[in-house]
Amino acid sequence: MSAWLPPRRLRELGMLGMNARNLEYIGRYNRRQLYPLVDNKLKTKLLARDYDLPVPTLRLALSQQHAVDPALDTLDHLDGFAMKPAKGSGGKGIWVITGRRGDAFLKSSGAELSRDELRRHMSNTLAGLYSLGGGTDSVIIEDLIRLAPRFEGLSHEGVPDIRVIVFRGYPVMAMLRLATHASDGKANLHQGAVGVGLTLDEGRCAHAVQMGKRITHHPDTGLPLDAIAIEAWQEILELAAYCYDVTGLGYLGTDIVIDRDRGPMLLELNARPGLAIQMANGRGLLPRLKAVERLRERPRPSHQERVRFSVETLSRL
């Protein structure tokens, strides 16, 4: 599927456009007062812990400039960690540290960072350099996700994640995002990561793209993508579906990682998930969204029942 298609072909594929997403789905199904639950990664993490959802272990959270130097003293004793702005978006401001070389901190790409560079980065983050609205922010430092063996060679210089779009509690579309050298080890499609569309029934590769162009092999490692099949797929879908019950957001992007030791964990949530998942899958969201809108639910089904409907019905659309 090419990066540009004529409007008629987009309609045939059931592609959801940005205006329709904003007005008919985000605006209609997401109450604005609920946004802070997902726009702030620290609030999301604390909410998830309240509901016993698996999340990466939180090591530090700081919101004041005077806390930077004490935080650095703590980081000196950690082998690896992820540093994030609480209100960031699009992967901006996230630094993944995988080890040390002497006094230097090592990024997943192998690049070295000094203690002063970490200090400056935390200070800039607190000042709001990476936040959604440009206001002051917090810094989150959490445990490093350890790459599951099944992803060796498929995600380059970083850990992959799985984005599942959940509508009214039903998983409607999913993709695996694989890091590349171009994306600096981040699973962000706009920065050059690979998007692998996943079938809803089995979690297998259905289609794959990088920067809007269809590909069949990982650009850095050359490994084929069509053999991808996600283990614990049912568990991942149920985790994603349950996030609707936890947040109350009707149109939601859930980002899930698979840790080598802990299995599937919730990484973050997004009240305004992007539309690139459609390119990754080579098909549009609209037929599945419309199928869920036609449902008349009394009472509300459980998250397991909603997953069953998605697997049995939506996967065929």
Protein backbone atom coordinates (compact mmCIF):
# COMPACT_ATOMS: atom_id res chain seq x y z
CA MET A 1 0.00 0.00 0.00
CA SER A 2 1.55 3.30 -1.08
CA ALA A 3 1.90 6.38 1.10
CA TRP A 4 -0.66 8.26 -1.09
CA LEU A 5 -4.00 6.95 -2.29
CA PRO A 6 -6.85 8.72 -4.10
CA PRO A 7 -9.95 9.58 -2.00
CA ARG A 8 -12.06 6.90 -3.68
CA ARG A 9 -9.59 4.16 -2.75
CA LEU A 10 -9.38 5.47 0.82
CA ARG A 11 -13.17 5.22 1.11
CA GLU A 12 -13.10 1.67 -0.25
CA LEU A 13 -10.56 0.73 2.41
CA GLY A 14 -12.69 2.30 5.15
CA MET A 15 -9.98 4.74 6.18
CA LEU A 16 -10.78 7.02 9.11
CA GLY A 17 -9.65 10.61 8.51
CA MET A 18 -8.36 13.04 11.10
CA ASN A 19 -11.44 15.29 11.10
CA ALA A 20 -13.80 12.35 11.56
CA ARG A 21 -11.55 10.92 14.27
CA ASN A 22 -11.54 14.20 16.17
CA LEU A 23 -15.23 15.02 15.84
CA GLU A 24 -17.05 11.70 15.65
CA TYR A 25 -14.91 9.56 17.93
CA ILE A 26 -12.55 11.50 20.20
CA GLY A 27 -14.94 14.42 20.68
CA ARG A 28 -18.01 12.23 21.06
CA TYR A 29 -16.69 9.38 23.19
CA ASN A 30 -13.92 10.94 25.30
CA ARG A 31 -15.05 13.23 28.10
CA ARG A 32 -12.55 16.05 28.41
CA GLN A 33 -12.33 15.84 32.19
CA LEU A 34 -10.85 12.35 31.81
CA TYR A 35 -7.92 13.46 29.64
CA PRO A 36 -5.55 14.16 32.56
CA LEU A 37 -5.68 10.45 33.45
CA VAL A 38 -3.79 9.62 30.25
CA ASP A 39 -2.09 12.90 29.29
CA ASN A 40 0.12 12.58 32.36
CA LYS A 41 2.14 9.33 32.35
CA LEU A 42 2.65 9.49 36.10
CA LYS A 43 -1.10 9.68 36.74
CA THR A 44 -1.61 6.81 34.29
CA LYS A 45 0.94 4.67 36.09
CA LEU A 46 -0.55 5.35 39.52
CA LEU A 47 -4.07 4.66 38.21
CA ALA A 48 -2.92 1.38 36.65
CA ARG A 49 -1.32 0.32 39.92
CA ASP A 50 -4.59 1.05 41.76
CA TYR A 51 -6.30 -1.46 39.43
CA ASP A 52 -3.46 -4.00 39.70
CA LEU A 53 -2.52 -3.63 36.04
CA PRO A 54 1.09 -4.68 35.29
CA VAL A 55 3.34 -1.66 34.61
CA PRO A 56 7.13 -1.09 34.59
CA THR A 57 8.41 -0.40 38.10
CA LEU A 58 8.61 3.29 38.97
CA ARG A 59 11.98 4.25 40.47
CA LEU A 60 11.77 8.03 40.70
CA ALA A 61 9.40 10.88 39.92
CA LEU A 62 10.57 14.47 40.27
CA SER A 63 8.80 17.75 39.65
CA GLN A 64 11.22 20.34 41.08
CA GLN A 65 14.60 21.52 39.80
CA HIS A 66 16.23 21.05 43.21
CA ALA A 67 15.49 17.31 42.95
CA VAL A 68 17.72 16.82 39.88
CA ASP A 69 21.07 16.33 41.62
CA PRO A 70 19.71 13.86 44.22
CA ALA A 71 18.10 11.96 41.34
CA LEU A 72 21.45 11.74 39.56
CA ASP A 73 22.96 10.20 42.69
CA THR A 74 20.29 7.49 42.52
CA LEU A 75 20.82 6.89 38.79
CA ASP A 76 24.51 6.24 39.44
CA HIS A 77 23.45 2.97 41.09
CA LEU A 78 21.08 1.74 38.36
CA ASP A 79 22.27 -0.52 35.53
CA GLY A 80 19.57 0.69 33.18
CA PHE A 81 16.45 2.84 33.17
CA ALA A 82 14.00 4.80 31.03
CA MET A 83 13.66 8.55 31.60
CA LYS A 84 10.46 10.20 30.36
CA PRO A 85 8.56 13.48 30.53
CA ALA A 86 5.23 12.85 32.26
CA LYS A 87 3.35 15.01 29.75
CA GLY A 88 5.36 14.25 26.62
CA SER A 89 4.02 12.90 23.34
CA GLY A 90 5.32 11.22 20.22
CA GLY A 91 8.34 9.78 21.99
CA LYS A 92 9.90 13.22 22.50
CA GLY A 93 12.20 13.57 25.48
CA ILE A 94 12.43 9.84 26.22
CA TRP A 95 15.93 8.58 26.94
CA VAL A 96 16.58 4.86 27.35
CA ILE A 97 19.79 4.07 29.24
CA THR A 98 20.96 0.47 28.87
CA GLY A 99 24.25 0.51 30.80
CA ARG A 100 27.44 2.32 31.75
CA ARG A 101 30.91 2.76 30.27
CA GLY A 102 33.13 4.26 32.93
CA ASP A 103 31.40 7.43 34.10
CA ALA A 104 29.27 7.67 30.95
CA PHE A 105 25.67 6.49 30.58
CA LEU A 106 24.99 4.40 27.45
CA LYS A 107 21.91 4.86 25.25
CA SER A 108 20.44 1.88 23.42
CA SER A 109 22.24 3.07 20.25
CA GLY A 110 25.59 2.88 22.04
CA ALA A 111 25.96 6.66 22.27
CA GLU A 112 27.52 7.95 25.48
CA LEU A 113 25.92 10.57 27.71
CA SER A 114 27.67 12.42 30.51
CA ARG A 115 26.24 13.14 33.93
CA ASP A 116 25.95 16.81 32.91
CA GLU A 117 23.93 15.86 29.83
CA LEU A 118 21.49 13.90 31.97
CA ARG A 119 21.25 16.83 34.39
CA ARG A 120 20.53 19.24 31.54
CA HIS A 121 17.97 16.89 30.00
CA MET A 122 16.07 16.49 33.27
CA SER A 123 16.15 20.24 33.84
CA ASN A 124 14.81 20.92 30.33
CA THR A 125 12.10 18.32 30.81
CA LEU A 126 10.98 19.91 34.08
CA ALA A 127 10.86 23.29 32.32
CA GLY A 128 8.37 21.86 29.79
CA LEU A 129 10.55 21.48 26.70
CA TYR A 130 8.81 18.21 25.74
CA SER A 131 5.37 18.64 27.34
CA LEU A 132 2.14 18.66 25.33
CA GLY A 133 1.21 22.25 26.21
CA GLY A 134 4.66 23.64 26.93
CA GLY A 135 3.97 24.01 30.66
CA THR A 136 6.10 22.72 33.50
CA ASP A 137 6.45 18.96 33.63
CA SER A 138 7.67 16.05 35.74
CA VAL A 139 10.38 13.48 35.08
CA ILE A 140 9.58 9.79 35.41
CA ILE A 141 12.34 7.22 35.80
CA GLU A 142 11.29 3.61 35.57
CA ASP A 143 12.84 0.19 35.15
CA LEU A 144 14.18 -0.81 31.78
CA ILE A 145 12.06 -3.20 29.74
CA ARG A 146 14.10 -6.29 28.93
CA LEU A 147 13.76 -7.51 25.35
CA ALA A 148 11.86 -10.78 25.07
CA PRO A 149 13.92 -13.40 23.17
CA ARG A 150 11.27 -13.72 20.43
CA PHE A 151 12.02 -10.14 19.35
CA GLU A 152 15.78 -10.59 18.95
CA GLY A 153 16.73 -9.11 15.60
CA LEU A 154 13.25 -7.73 15.00
CA SER A 155 13.59 -4.56 17.05
CA HIS A 156 16.88 -2.74 16.57
CA GLU A 157 18.47 -0.77 19.44
CA GLY A 158 15.20 -0.69 21.37
CA VAL A 159 12.21 -2.56 22.75
CA PRO A 160 9.07 -2.93 20.61
CA ASP A 161 5.58 -2.14 21.80
CA ILE A 162 2.07 -3.06 20.75
CA ARG A 163 -0.52 -0.36 20.09
CA VAL A 164 -4.14 -1.49 20.40
CA ILE A 165 -6.98 0.90 19.55
CA VAL A 166 -9.90 0.28 21.90
CA PHE A 167 -13.35 1.66 21.07
CA ARG A 168 -16.09 1.49 23.70
CA GLY A 169 -14.06 -1.26 25.34
CA TYR A 170 -13.58 -3.37 22.17
CA PRO A 171 -10.12 -3.84 20.65
CA VAL A 172 -10.61 -2.78 17.02
CA MET A 173 -7.09 -2.69 15.53
CA ALA A 174 -3.54 -3.51 16.61
CA MET A 175 0.01 -3.07 15.44
CA LEU A 176 3.49 -3.96 16.61
CA ARG A 177 5.99 -1.09 16.49
CA LEU A 178 9.60 -2.13 15.95
CA ALA A 179 12.49 0.19 16.72
CA THR A 180 15.10 0.95 14.07
CA HIS A 181 18.38 2.82 13.90
CA ALA A 182 16.52 5.65 12.17
CA SER A 183 14.08 5.91 15.09
CA ASP A 184 16.95 6.03 17.62
CA GLY A 185 15.72 2.85 19.28
CA LYS A 186 12.21 4.25 19.85
CA ALA A 187 9.02 2.54 18.74
CA ASN A 188 7.65 5.68 17.08
CA LEU A 189 6.47 5.45 13.47
CA HIS A 190 6.98 9.17 12.74
CA GLN A 191 10.63 8.81 13.68
CA GLY A 192 11.24 5.80 11.41
CA ALA A 193 10.08 2.77 13.40
CA VAL A 194 8.45 -0.13 11.56
CA GLY A 195 4.69 -0.60 11.95
CA VAL A 196 3.52 -4.21 11.69
CA GLY A 197 -0.25 -4.63 11.40
CA LEU A 198 -1.48 -7.53 13.53
CA THR A 199 -4.50 -9.74 12.95
CA LEU A 200 -7.05 -9.39 15.76
CA ASP A 201 -7.75 -13.10 15.99
CA GLU A 202 -4.19 -14.41 16.29
CA GLY A 203 -1.78 -11.48 16.61
CA ARG A 204 0.06 -12.40 13.41
CA CYS A 205 1.68 -10.08 10.89
CA ALA A 206 -0.83 -8.96 8.27
CA HIS A 207 1.06 -6.04 6.68
CA ALA A 208 4.07 -3.87 7.49
CA VAL A 209 5.25 -0.34 6.66
CA GLN A 210 8.08 2.08 7.36
CA MET A 211 7.57 5.80 6.72
CA GLY A 212 4.36 4.98 4.83
CA LYS A 213 5.93 2.44 2.45
CA ARG A 214 5.23 -1.27 2.56
CA ILE A 215 8.17 -3.48 3.59
CA THR A 216 8.66 -7.20 4.13
CA HIS A 217 11.93 -7.28 6.12
CA HIS A 218 13.38 -5.27 9.01
CA PRO A 219 15.49 -2.47 7.45
CA ASP A 220 18.41 -2.92 9.89
CA THR A 221 18.56 -6.66 10.48
CA GLY A 222 17.01 -8.04 7.28
CA LEU A 223 14.80 -10.48 9.19
CA PRO A 224 11.43 -11.27 7.57
CA LEU A 225 8.37 -9.72 9.21
CA ASP A 226 5.71 -12.10 7.91
CA ALA A 227 6.65 -14.77 10.47
CA ILE A 228 5.77 -12.54 13.42
CA ALA A 229 3.20 -14.02 15.80
CA ILE A 230 2.67 -12.47 19.24
CA GLU A 231 2.58 -14.82 22.21
CA ALA A 232 0.10 -14.18 25.05
CA TRP A 233 -2.14 -12.47 22.48
CA GLN A 234 -5.36 -13.10 24.42
CA GLU A 235 -3.79 -11.61 27.55
CA ILE A 236 -2.69 -8.53 25.61
CA LEU A 237 -6.16 -7.94 24.16
CA GLU A 238 -7.81 -8.35 27.55
CA LEU A 239 -5.36 -5.92 29.15
CA ALA A 240 -6.11 -3.37 26.42
CA ALA A 241 -9.88 -3.85 26.69
CA TYR A 242 -9.84 -3.46 30.47
CA CYS A 243 -8.23 -0.03 30.14
CA TYR A 244 -11.65 1.23 29.01
CA ASP A 245 -13.15 0.14 32.33
CA VAL A 246 -10.27 1.79 34.20
CA THR A 247 -10.32 5.17 32.40
CA GLY A 248 -13.85 5.56 31.01
CA LEU A 249 -12.40 6.80 27.71
CA GLY A 250 -14.40 5.49 24.76
CA TYR A 251 -11.73 5.97 22.08
CA LEU A 252 -8.35 4.99 23.42
CA GLY A 253 -4.86 3.99 22.32
CA THR A 254 -3.19 1.46 24.62
CA ASP A 255 0.55 0.82 24.40
CA ILE A 256 1.71 -2.53 25.76
CA VAL A 257 5.20 -3.99 26.02
CA ILE A 258 6.29 -7.59 26.55
CA ASP A 259 9.05 -7.85 29.13
CA ARG A 260 11.43 -10.82 29.06
CA ASP A 261 10.65 -11.69 32.68
CA ARG A 262 7.26 -10.14 33.48
CA GLY A 263 5.37 -10.62 30.23
CA PRO A 264 2.80 -8.07 28.94
CA MET A 265 2.77 -4.71 30.74
CA LEU A 266 0.91 -1.47 30.15
CA LEU A 267 3.32 1.26 29.07
CA GLU A 268 1.00 4.23 28.50
CA LEU A 269 -2.42 5.35 27.26
CA ASN A 270 -3.44 7.91 24.66
CA ALA A 271 -6.77 9.73 24.34
CA ARG A 272 -5.86 10.92 20.82
CA PRO A 273 -4.22 7.91 19.15
CA GLY A 274 -2.85 8.54 15.69
CA LEU A 275 -4.12 7.09 12.43
CA ALA A 276 -0.91 5.45 11.17
CA ILE A 277 -2.15 2.14 12.54
CA GLN A 278 -4.34 1.98 9.44
CA MET A 279 -1.31 2.18 7.15
CA ALA A 280 0.40 -0.53 9.19
CA ASN A 281 -2.62 -2.81 8.71
CA GLY A 282 -3.34 -1.88 5.10
CA ARG A 283 -6.99 -1.30 5.98
CA GLY A 284 -9.22 1.27 7.62
CA LEU A 285 -10.76 1.54 11.06
CA LEU A 286 -14.24 2.63 9.98
CA PRO A 287 -15.86 -0.76 9.30
CA ARG A 288 -14.85 -2.00 12.75
CA LEU A 289 -15.83 1.23 14.50
CA LYS A 290 -19.25 1.18 12.82
CA ALA A 291 -19.78 -2.45 13.84
CA VAL A 292 -19.18 -1.57 17.49
CA GLU A 293 -21.47 1.47 17.24
CA ARG A 294 -24.30 -0.75 16.04
CA LEU A 295 -24.15 -2.86 19.21
CA ARG A 296 -26.86 -2.39 21.84
CA GLU A 297 -25.43 -3.47 25.17
CA ARG A 298 -27.60 -4.06 28.24
CA PRO A 299 -25.84 -4.66 30.58
CA ARG A 300 -22.25 -3.83 29.58
CA PRO A 301 -20.35 -7.02 28.72
CA SER A 302 -17.13 -7.91 30.54
CA HIS A 303 -13.77 -7.12 28.99
CA GLN A 304 -13.33 -10.83 28.22
CA GLU A 305 -16.65 -10.88 26.35
CA ARG A 306 -15.71 -7.76 24.42
CA VAL A 307 -12.42 -9.35 23.37
CA ARG A 308 -14.32 -12.43 22.21
CA PHE A 309 -16.51 -10.27 19.95
CA SER A 310 -13.46 -8.51 18.53
CA VAL A 311 -11.70 -11.79 17.76
CA GLU A 312 -14.76 -13.53 16.30
CA THR A 313 -16.41 -10.64 14.45
CA LEU A 314 -14.21 -7.58 13.99
CA SER A 315 -11.22 -9.59 12.78
CA ARG A 316 -13.19 -10.48 9.65
CA LEU A 317 -13.92 -6.84 8.68
